[in-house]
Amino acid sequence: MAIDTSTPSLEAGVELERTLDRLEARMEALQFSLRTLRTSPRRELWWHDLRETRETWFRLVDPDGQDPTSEGS
């Protein structure tokens, strides 16, 4: 009897969902900071962090896809 390893375990799926939720919350917080604190000296750091967070989120959601949204959204 062989074990099917092609489908992720329920636990792995739940962990992926948690990770995606955390990344989405982080993106929302960074976008809020960028909108409300436009003159902050940390703005460039937030932009960089937002780009990296979005790239990670999209890689996890669709490893072969591309980010369909523009950077300014």
Protein backbone atom coordinates (compact mmCIF):
# COMPACT_ATOMS: atom_id res chain seq x y z
CA MET A 1 0.00 0.00 0.00
CA ALA A 2 1.57 3.29 -1.13
CA ILE A 3 1.03 6.64 0.54
CA ASP A 4 0.03 9.48 -1.77
CA THR A 5 2.50 12.32 -1.12
CA SER A 6 1.36 14.43 -4.08
CA THR A 7 -1.37 16.15 -2.04
CA PRO A 8 -0.40 18.29 0.93
CA SER A 9 -1.56 17.22 4.34
CA LEU A 10 -4.44 18.99 6.03
CA GLU A 11 -1.99 20.41 8.57
CA ALA A 12 0.24 21.81 5.82
CA GLY A 13 -2.80 23.39 4.15
CA VAL A 14 -3.88 25.01 7.40
CA GLU A 15 -0.36 26.34 8.00
CA LEU A 16 -0.26 27.78 4.47
CA GLU A 17 -3.58 29.54 5.07
CA ARG A 18 -2.26 31.01 8.33
CA THR A 19 0.86 32.23 6.58
CA LEU A 20 -1.17 33.81 3.77
CA ASP A 21 -3.45 35.50 6.31
CA ARG A 22 -0.45 36.92 8.20
CA LEU A 23 1.11 38.19 4.98
CA GLU A 24 -2.16 39.76 3.88
CA ALA A 25 -2.55 41.52 7.24
CA ARG A 26 1.05 42.76 6.97
CA MET A 27 0.40 44.13 3.48
CA GLU A 28 -2.71 45.95 4.70
CA ALA A 29 -0.81 47.47 7.63
CA LEU A 30 2.03 48.61 5.38
CA GLN A 31 -0.40 50.11 2.86
CA PHE A 32 -2.18 51.94 5.69
CA SER A 33 1.15 53.31 6.95
CA LEU A 34 2.10 54.47 3.48
CA ARG A 35 -1.23 56.25 3.03
CA THR A 36 -1.37 57.93 6.43
CA LEU A 37 2.28 58.78 7.04
CA ARG A 38 3.29 60.05 3.62
CA THR A 39 6.16 62.19 4.91
CA SER A 40 7.69 59.58 7.20
CA PRO A 41 11.43 58.90 6.85
CA ARG A 42 10.50 55.20 6.93
CA ARG A 43 8.43 55.44 3.73
CA GLU A 44 11.10 53.88 1.48
CA LEU A 45 11.59 51.03 3.94
CA TRP A 46 7.82 50.40 4.01
CA TRP A 47 7.68 50.36 0.19
CA HIS A 48 10.51 47.82 0.10
CA ASP A 49 8.86 45.70 2.79
CA LEU A 50 5.49 45.87 1.04
CA ARG A 51 7.02 44.72 -2.27
CA GLU A 52 8.80 41.80 -0.61
CA THR A 53 5.70 40.80 1.34
CA ARG A 54 3.52 40.89 -1.80
CA GLU A 55 6.06 38.87 -3.76
CA THR A 56 6.11 36.24 -1.01
CA TRP A 57 2.30 36.13 -0.87
CA PHE A 58 1.99 35.69 -4.64
CA ARG A 59 4.73 33.03 -4.73
CA LEU A 60 2.85 31.02 -2.09
CA VAL A 61 -0.54 31.45 -3.78
CA ASP A 62 0.62 30.74 -7.33
CA PRO A 63 4.27 29.69 -7.63
CA ASP A 64 4.15 29.85 -11.45
CA GLY A 65 2.11 33.05 -11.72
CA GLN A 66 2.88 36.73 -11.62
CA ASP A 67 1.65 39.61 -9.50
CA PRO A 68 -1.39 40.89 -11.44
CA THR A 69 -1.57 44.20 -9.56
CA SER A 70 0.53 47.27 -10.08
CA GLU A 71 2.95 48.39 -7.39
CA GLY A 72 0.99 51.54 -6.60
CA SER A 73 -2.22 49.78 -5.62
